[in-house]
Amino acid sequence: MTDQPPKPDAPAAPTLQFSIDDSVANGVYANFANIIHNPAEFVFDFGRAVPGRTDVRVLSRVLTTPVHAKQLLNALAQNIALYEKTFGPIRTDFEAPRADVLAPVGPN
């Protein structure tokens, strides 16, 4: 058996300091997302779809690299798993009602 020199400790990851402007801190509600990409970047458009309207207003656009898009995918998957562990499964087995098949609302 040979003596091996001790491995130097890996440098600690730097601690990130986050700051957020008041105008951003309140957030924006989005119920629509569109993703497009090219070889150099991913583009995420977040918007709001309103029932009864066919247009979607894009409220925010985020551009990022393919590496960061994949890291976002992994982080989102981890967070959804933690959420479902705490609160139960998120239902995705339903369809939004179509306007042409809605029953008329009448008196009870």
N, C-alpha and C. Protein backbone atom coordinates (compact mmCIF):
# COMPACT_ATOMS: atom_id res chain seq x y z
N MET A 1 0.84 -1.16 0.00
CA MET A 1 0.00 0.00 0.00
C MET A 1 0.90 1.23 0.00
N THR A 2 0.58 2.16 -0.88
CA THR A 2 1.39 3.38 -0.95
C THR A 2 0.66 4.51 -0.27
N ASP A 3 1.44 5.40 0.27
CA ASP A 3 0.85 6.58 0.89
C ASP A 3 0.48 7.57 -0.20
N GLN A 4 -0.76 8.03 -0.16
CA GLN A 4 -1.20 9.05 -1.12
C GLN A 4 -1.29 10.38 -0.39
N PRO A 5 -0.87 11.42 -1.07
CA PRO A 5 -0.97 12.73 -0.42
C PRO A 5 -2.44 13.09 -0.20
N PRO A 6 -2.73 13.79 0.87
CA PRO A 6 -4.13 14.18 1.11
C PRO A 6 -4.63 15.08 -0.01
N LYS A 7 -5.91 14.90 -0.37
CA LYS A 7 -6.51 15.74 -1.41
C LYS A 7 -6.87 17.09 -0.81
N PRO A 8 -6.55 18.15 -1.54
CA PRO A 8 -6.93 19.47 -1.01
C PRO A 8 -8.44 19.59 -0.98
N ASP A 9 -8.93 20.31 0.01
CA ASP A 9 -10.38 20.53 0.10
C ASP A 9 -10.85 21.31 -1.12
N ALA A 10 -12.00 20.91 -1.61
CA ALA A 10 -12.59 21.63 -2.75
C ALA A 10 -13.00 23.02 -2.28
N PRO A 11 -12.81 24.01 -3.14
CA PRO A 11 -13.20 25.36 -2.72
C PRO A 11 -14.71 25.43 -2.52
N ALA A 12 -15.13 26.18 -1.51
CA ALA A 12 -16.55 26.33 -1.23
C ALA A 12 -17.20 27.15 -2.34
N ALA A 13 -18.41 26.77 -2.68
CA ALA A 13 -19.15 27.53 -3.69
C ALA A 13 -19.46 28.91 -3.12
N PRO A 14 -19.36 29.94 -3.96
CA PRO A 14 -19.64 31.28 -3.46
C PRO A 14 -21.13 31.40 -3.08
N THR A 15 -21.41 32.17 -2.06
CA THR A 15 -22.78 32.43 -1.66
C THR A 15 -23.32 33.57 -2.51
N LEU A 16 -24.45 33.33 -3.15
CA LEU A 16 -25.05 34.35 -4.00
C LEU A 16 -25.93 35.27 -3.17
N GLN A 17 -25.85 36.54 -3.45
CA GLN A 17 -26.69 37.53 -2.81
C GLN A 17 -27.75 37.97 -3.82
N PHE A 18 -29.02 37.78 -3.47
CA PHE A 18 -30.10 38.15 -4.37
C PHE A 18 -30.66 39.51 -3.99
N SER A 19 -31.02 40.28 -4.99
CA SER A 19 -31.76 41.51 -4.74
C SER A 19 -32.88 41.58 -5.77
N ILE A 20 -33.98 42.22 -5.38
CA ILE A 20 -35.12 42.33 -6.28
C ILE A 20 -35.76 43.69 -6.11
N ASP A 21 -36.04 44.34 -7.23
CA ASP A 21 -36.69 45.64 -7.20
C ASP A 21 -38.14 45.48 -6.77
N ASP A 22 -38.69 46.51 -6.13
CA ASP A 22 -40.08 46.46 -5.70
C ASP A 22 -41.03 46.21 -6.87
N SER A 23 -40.72 46.78 -8.03
CA SER A 23 -41.60 46.61 -9.18
C SER A 23 -41.62 45.17 -9.69
N VAL A 24 -40.60 44.39 -9.38
CA VAL A 24 -40.51 43.00 -9.81
C VAL A 24 -41.00 42.06 -8.70
N ALA A 25 -40.87 42.49 -7.45
CA ALA A 25 -41.17 41.62 -6.31
C ALA A 25 -42.62 41.14 -6.27
N ASN A 26 -43.56 41.93 -6.76
CA ASN A 26 -44.96 41.53 -6.74
C ASN A 26 -45.26 40.43 -7.73
N GLY A 27 -44.43 40.26 -8.73
CA GLY A 27 -44.63 39.21 -9.71
C GLY A 27 -45.73 39.53 -10.71
N VAL A 28 -45.88 38.64 -11.67
CA VAL A 28 -46.90 38.77 -12.71
C VAL A 28 -47.55 37.41 -12.85
N TYR A 29 -48.88 37.37 -12.83
CA TYR A 29 -49.59 36.11 -13.01
C TYR A 29 -49.57 35.72 -14.48
N ALA A 30 -49.19 34.48 -14.76
CA ALA A 30 -49.20 33.96 -16.13
C ALA A 30 -49.85 32.59 -16.12
N ASN A 31 -50.73 32.36 -17.08
CA ASN A 31 -51.35 31.05 -17.25
C ASN A 31 -51.10 30.50 -18.65
N PHE A 32 -50.12 31.07 -19.32
CA PHE A 32 -49.75 30.68 -20.67
C PHE A 32 -48.24 30.81 -20.81
N ALA A 33 -47.63 29.84 -21.48
CA ALA A 33 -46.20 29.93 -21.78
C ALA A 33 -45.97 29.40 -23.19
N ASN A 34 -45.08 30.03 -23.88
CA ASN A 34 -44.67 29.60 -25.21
C ASN A 34 -43.15 29.55 -25.22
N ILE A 35 -42.60 28.48 -25.77
CA ILE A 35 -41.15 28.32 -25.79
C ILE A 35 -40.69 28.13 -27.23
N ILE A 36 -39.72 28.92 -27.63
CA ILE A 36 -39.08 28.74 -28.94
C ILE A 36 -37.57 28.68 -28.71
N HIS A 37 -36.87 28.14 -29.68
CA HIS A 37 -35.42 28.03 -29.51
C HIS A 37 -34.72 28.05 -30.86
N ASN A 38 -33.44 28.36 -30.80
CA ASN A 38 -32.54 28.24 -31.93
C ASN A 38 -31.27 27.60 -31.39
N PRO A 39 -30.24 27.42 -32.18
CA PRO A 39 -29.04 26.74 -31.66
C PRO A 39 -28.37 27.46 -30.48
N ALA A 40 -28.61 28.76 -30.33
CA ALA A 40 -27.88 29.53 -29.31
C ALA A 40 -28.69 29.88 -28.08
N GLU A 41 -30.03 29.84 -28.16
CA GLU A 41 -30.81 30.32 -27.04
C GLU A 41 -32.21 29.72 -27.00
N PHE A 42 -32.80 29.78 -25.81
CA PHE A 42 -34.21 29.45 -25.61
C PHE A 42 -34.91 30.75 -25.26
N VAL A 43 -36.14 30.90 -25.77
CA VAL A 43 -36.95 32.08 -25.50
C VAL A 43 -38.24 31.61 -24.84
N PHE A 44 -38.49 32.10 -23.63
CA PHE A 44 -39.71 31.78 -22.89
C PHE A 44 -40.59 33.02 -22.87
N ASP A 45 -41.77 32.91 -23.46
CA ASP A 45 -42.76 33.98 -23.39
C ASP A 45 -43.83 33.56 -22.39
N PHE A 46 -44.10 34.41 -21.40
CA PHE A 46 -45.14 34.14 -20.42
C PHE A 46 -46.24 35.17 -20.61
N GLY A 47 -47.48 34.69 -20.58
CA GLY A 47 -48.59 35.60 -20.81
C GLY A 47 -49.83 35.18 -20.07
N ARG A 48 -50.91 35.89 -20.38
CA ARG A 48 -52.18 35.63 -19.74
C ARG A 48 -53.23 35.40 -20.82
N ALA A 49 -53.86 34.23 -20.76
CA ALA A 49 -54.98 33.92 -21.62
C ALA A 49 -56.26 34.18 -20.84
N VAL A 50 -57.19 34.87 -21.45
CA VAL A 50 -58.44 35.20 -20.79
C VAL A 50 -59.55 34.37 -21.42
N PRO A 51 -60.37 33.70 -20.60
CA PRO A 51 -61.47 32.90 -21.16
C PRO A 51 -62.36 33.73 -22.08
N GLY A 52 -62.73 33.14 -23.19
CA GLY A 52 -63.59 33.83 -24.14
C GLY A 52 -62.86 34.69 -25.15
N ARG A 53 -61.56 34.79 -25.03
CA ARG A 53 -60.78 35.60 -25.98
C ARG A 53 -59.78 34.70 -26.67
N THR A 54 -59.45 35.02 -27.90
CA THR A 54 -58.51 34.20 -28.66
C THR A 54 -57.09 34.77 -28.65
N ASP A 55 -56.92 35.98 -28.14
CA ASP A 55 -55.58 36.57 -28.09
C ASP A 55 -54.95 36.31 -26.72
N VAL A 56 -53.64 36.26 -26.70
CA VAL A 56 -52.88 36.09 -25.46
C VAL A 56 -51.94 37.27 -25.36
N ARG A 57 -51.97 37.95 -24.24
CA ARG A 57 -51.07 39.08 -24.03
C ARG A 57 -49.79 38.57 -23.38
N VAL A 58 -48.67 38.72 -24.08
CA VAL A 58 -47.38 38.32 -23.52
C VAL A 58 -46.94 39.40 -22.54
N LEU A 59 -46.65 38.97 -21.32
CA LEU A 59 -46.30 39.90 -20.25
C LEU A 59 -44.81 39.92 -19.93
N SER A 60 -44.12 38.84 -20.27
CA SER A 60 -42.70 38.76 -19.95
C SER A 60 -42.02 37.81 -20.94
N ARG A 61 -40.83 38.16 -21.33
CA ARG A 61 -40.02 37.31 -22.21
C ARG A 61 -38.67 37.11 -21.54
N VAL A 62 -38.25 35.84 -21.43
CA VAL A 62 -36.96 35.51 -20.84
C VAL A 62 -36.15 34.76 -21.88
N LEU A 63 -34.94 35.23 -22.14
CA LEU A 63 -34.02 34.57 -23.06
C LEU A 63 -32.89 33.98 -22.25
N THR A 64 -32.49 32.75 -22.60
CA THR A 64 -31.42 32.09 -21.86
C THR A 64 -30.70 31.10 -22.76
N THR A 65 -29.60 30.59 -22.27
CA THR A 65 -28.80 29.62 -23.03
C THR A 65 -29.41 28.23 -22.91
N PRO A 66 -29.08 27.32 -23.82
CA PRO A 66 -29.55 25.94 -23.70
C PRO A 66 -29.13 25.29 -22.38
N VAL A 67 -27.94 25.58 -21.89
CA VAL A 67 -27.48 25.01 -20.62
C VAL A 67 -28.38 25.48 -19.48
N HIS A 68 -28.68 26.77 -19.43
CA HIS A 68 -29.54 27.29 -18.37
C HIS A 68 -30.97 26.78 -18.52
N ALA A 69 -31.44 26.59 -19.75
CA ALA A 69 -32.79 26.04 -19.95
C ALA A 69 -32.87 24.64 -19.38
N LYS A 70 -31.83 23.83 -19.59
CA LYS A 70 -31.84 22.47 -19.05
C LYS A 70 -31.73 22.49 -17.52
N GLN A 71 -30.94 23.41 -16.97
CA GLN A 71 -30.87 23.54 -15.52
C GLN A 71 -32.22 23.96 -14.95
N LEU A 72 -32.93 24.83 -15.66
CA LEU A 72 -34.27 25.23 -15.23
C LEU A 72 -35.22 24.04 -15.26
N LEU A 73 -35.14 23.23 -16.30
CA LEU A 73 -35.95 22.01 -16.39
C LEU A 73 -35.72 21.11 -15.18
N ASN A 74 -34.47 20.88 -14.84
CA ASN A 74 -34.14 20.02 -13.71
C ASN A 74 -34.60 20.63 -12.38
N ALA A 75 -34.40 21.93 -12.22
CA ALA A 75 -34.82 22.59 -10.98
C ALA A 75 -36.34 22.56 -10.84
N LEU A 76 -37.05 22.76 -11.94
CA LEU A 76 -38.51 22.72 -11.90
C LEU A 76 -39.00 21.31 -11.56
N ALA A 77 -38.37 20.29 -12.15
CA ALA A 77 -38.75 18.90 -11.84
C ALA A 77 -38.53 18.59 -10.37
N GLN A 78 -37.41 19.03 -9.81
CA GLN A 78 -37.14 18.80 -8.39
C GLN A 78 -38.16 19.51 -7.51
N ASN A 79 -38.51 20.74 -7.87
CA ASN A 79 -39.46 21.50 -7.06
C ASN A 79 -40.87 20.94 -7.17
N ILE A 80 -41.26 20.46 -8.33
CA ILE A 80 -42.57 19.82 -8.46
C ILE A 80 -42.62 18.55 -7.63
N ALA A 81 -41.55 17.77 -7.63
CA ALA A 81 -41.50 16.55 -6.81
C ALA A 81 -41.65 16.89 -5.33
N LEU A 82 -40.97 17.94 -4.87
CA LEU A 82 -41.10 18.36 -3.47
C LEU A 82 -42.51 18.86 -3.16
N TYR A 83 -43.09 19.61 -4.07
CA TYR A 83 -44.45 20.10 -3.90
C TYR A 83 -45.42 18.93 -3.77
N GLU A 84 -45.32 17.96 -4.68
CA GLU A 84 -46.25 16.83 -4.67
C GLU A 84 -46.03 15.94 -3.44
N LYS A 85 -44.83 15.88 -2.95
CA LYS A 85 -44.56 15.12 -1.73
C LYS A 85 -45.27 15.77 -0.54
N THR A 86 -45.33 17.09 -0.56
CA THR A 86 -45.96 17.82 0.54
C THR A 86 -47.48 17.94 0.38
N PHE A 87 -47.93 18.25 -0.83
CA PHE A 87 -49.33 18.60 -1.04
C PHE A 87 -50.12 17.58 -1.86
N GLY A 88 -49.46 16.57 -2.37
CA GLY A 88 -50.15 15.58 -3.19
C GLY A 88 -49.99 15.88 -4.67
N PRO A 89 -50.42 14.94 -5.50
CA PRO A 89 -50.21 15.08 -6.95
C PRO A 89 -50.93 16.29 -7.55
N ILE A 90 -50.30 16.86 -8.53
CA ILE A 90 -50.90 17.95 -9.30
C ILE A 90 -51.68 17.30 -10.44
N ARG A 91 -52.97 17.58 -10.51
CA ARG A 91 -53.80 16.99 -11.57
C ARG A 91 -53.46 17.60 -12.92
N THR A 92 -53.28 16.74 -13.90
CA THR A 92 -53.09 17.20 -15.28
C THR A 92 -53.96 16.39 -16.24
N ASP A 93 -54.91 15.63 -15.67
CA ASP A 93 -55.71 14.71 -16.48
C ASP A 93 -57.05 15.30 -16.90
N PHE A 94 -57.14 16.61 -16.98
CA PHE A 94 -58.40 17.23 -17.37
C PHE A 94 -58.14 18.16 -18.55
N GLU A 95 -59.21 18.45 -19.25
CA GLU A 95 -59.15 19.40 -20.36
C GLU A 95 -59.98 20.61 -20.00
N ALA A 96 -59.59 21.74 -20.49
CA ALA A 96 -60.38 22.94 -20.29
C ALA A 96 -61.66 22.79 -21.10
N PRO A 97 -62.78 23.25 -20.57
CA PRO A 97 -64.04 23.12 -21.32
C PRO A 97 -63.98 23.94 -22.59
N ARG A 98 -64.54 23.38 -23.64
CA ARG A 98 -64.61 24.09 -24.91
C ARG A 98 -65.86 24.95 -24.93
N ALA A 99 -65.78 26.11 -25.51
CA ALA A 99 -66.89 27.05 -25.53
C ALA A 99 -68.10 26.48 -26.27
N ASP A 100 -67.87 25.63 -27.28
CA ASP A 100 -68.99 25.12 -28.07
C ASP A 100 -69.73 23.96 -27.41
N VAL A 101 -69.25 23.45 -26.29
CA VAL A 101 -69.92 22.33 -25.61
C VAL A 101 -70.38 22.69 -24.19
N LEU A 102 -70.28 23.94 -23.83
CA LEU A 102 -70.72 24.36 -22.50
C LEU A 102 -72.25 24.35 -22.44
N ALA A 103 -72.77 23.83 -21.34
CA ALA A 103 -74.22 23.84 -21.15
C ALA A 103 -74.65 25.24 -20.74
N PRO A 104 -75.81 25.67 -21.20
CA PRO A 104 -76.28 27.00 -20.80
C PRO A 104 -76.55 27.02 -19.30
N VAL A 105 -76.30 28.14 -18.71
CA VAL A 105 -76.55 28.31 -17.27
C VAL A 105 -78.00 28.70 -17.09
N GLY A 106 -78.69 27.98 -16.22
CA GLY A 106 -80.09 28.28 -15.97
C GLY A 106 -80.37 28.26 -14.48
N PRO A 107 -81.63 28.46 -14.12
CA PRO A 107 -81.97 28.46 -12.69
C PRO A 107 -81.82 27.06 -12.10
N ASN A 108 -81.54 26.99 -10.83
CA ASN A 108 -81.38 25.70 -10.14
C ASN A 108 -82.69 25.08 -9.85
